[in-house]
Amino acid sequence: MPYASAAQRGYFHTPEGMAKVGPEVVAEFDKASKGQTNLPERAPKKKKNSLDYGQLVKRAQQFS
């Protein structure tokens, strides 16, 4: 699995990161990310599973 961001790559190479995930996992990520130079500084936030208005109305009707 490649790194999601430059911050993650940096953290995995700290002593705390190595202790948490293990050197085998860091080596696996390094191998998967070899040559990847266009990493964002921080990974984008994941979107929440939000409902649109139509779905919200349907859910409200189920409880009525």
Protein backbone atom coordinates (compact mmCIF):
# COMPACT_ATOMS: atom_id res chain seq x y z
CA MET A 1 0.00 0.00 0.00
CA PRO A 2 1.57 3.34 -0.96
CA TYR A 3 1.77 6.38 1.29
CA ALA A 4 -1.23 8.74 1.22
CA SER A 5 0.79 11.87 2.01
CA ALA A 6 4.26 13.23 2.64
CA ALA A 7 3.32 13.64 6.30
CA GLN A 8 2.52 9.93 6.59
CA ARG A 9 5.83 9.03 4.93
CA GLY A 10 7.67 11.27 7.39
CA TYR A 11 5.86 9.85 10.41
CA PHE A 12 6.53 6.25 9.42
CA HIS A 13 10.28 7.00 9.33
CA THR A 14 10.37 8.44 12.87
CA PRO A 15 11.28 6.20 15.82
CA GLU A 16 7.69 6.46 17.12
CA GLY A 17 6.25 5.50 13.74
CA MET A 18 8.64 2.58 13.33
CA ALA A 19 7.70 1.32 16.81
CA LYS A 20 3.98 1.64 16.11
CA VAL A 21 3.74 0.00 12.67
CA GLY A 22 6.97 -1.99 12.57
CA PRO A 23 9.89 -1.89 10.16
CA GLU A 24 8.33 -4.57 7.93
CA VAL A 25 5.30 -2.38 7.23
CA VAL A 26 7.52 0.66 6.58
CA ALA A 27 9.55 -1.38 4.09
CA GLU A 28 6.34 -2.55 2.40
CA PHE A 29 5.06 1.03 2.08
CA ASP A 30 8.45 2.19 0.78
CA LYS A 31 8.43 -0.54 -1.87
CA ALA A 32 4.85 0.29 -2.94
CA SER A 33 5.64 4.03 -3.08
CA LYS A 34 8.95 3.76 -4.94
CA GLY A 35 9.32 6.63 -7.39
CA GLN A 36 6.19 8.41 -6.19
CA THR A 37 7.09 12.11 -6.06
CA ASN A 38 3.72 13.85 -6.27
CA LEU A 39 2.43 13.19 -2.75
CA PRO A 40 0.37 15.96 -1.14
CA GLU A 41 1.71 17.45 2.09
CA ARG A 42 -1.42 16.25 3.90
CA ALA A 43 -4.01 13.69 2.81
CA PRO A 44 -7.45 15.11 1.99
CA LYS A 45 -10.18 14.58 4.55
CA LYS A 46 -12.57 11.75 3.79
CA LYS A 47 -16.12 12.74 3.01
CA LYS A 48 -18.77 11.81 5.52
CA ASN A 49 -21.67 9.69 4.37
CA SER A 50 -24.15 12.51 4.29
CA LEU A 51 -27.68 12.24 2.97
CA ASP A 52 -29.07 14.51 0.32
CA TYR A 53 -32.46 16.14 0.86
CA GLY A 54 -34.46 13.39 -0.90
CA GLN A 55 -32.84 10.64 1.15
CA LEU A 56 -33.41 12.63 4.33
CA VAL A 57 -37.14 12.97 3.55
CA LYS A 58 -37.44 9.23 2.89
CA ARG A 59 -35.74 8.43 6.20
CA ALA A 60 -38.03 10.82 8.06
CA GLN A 61 -41.10 9.21 6.50
CA GLN A 62 -39.94 5.78 7.68
CA PHE A 63 -40.13 6.97 11.29
CA SER A 64 -43.50 8.71 10.96
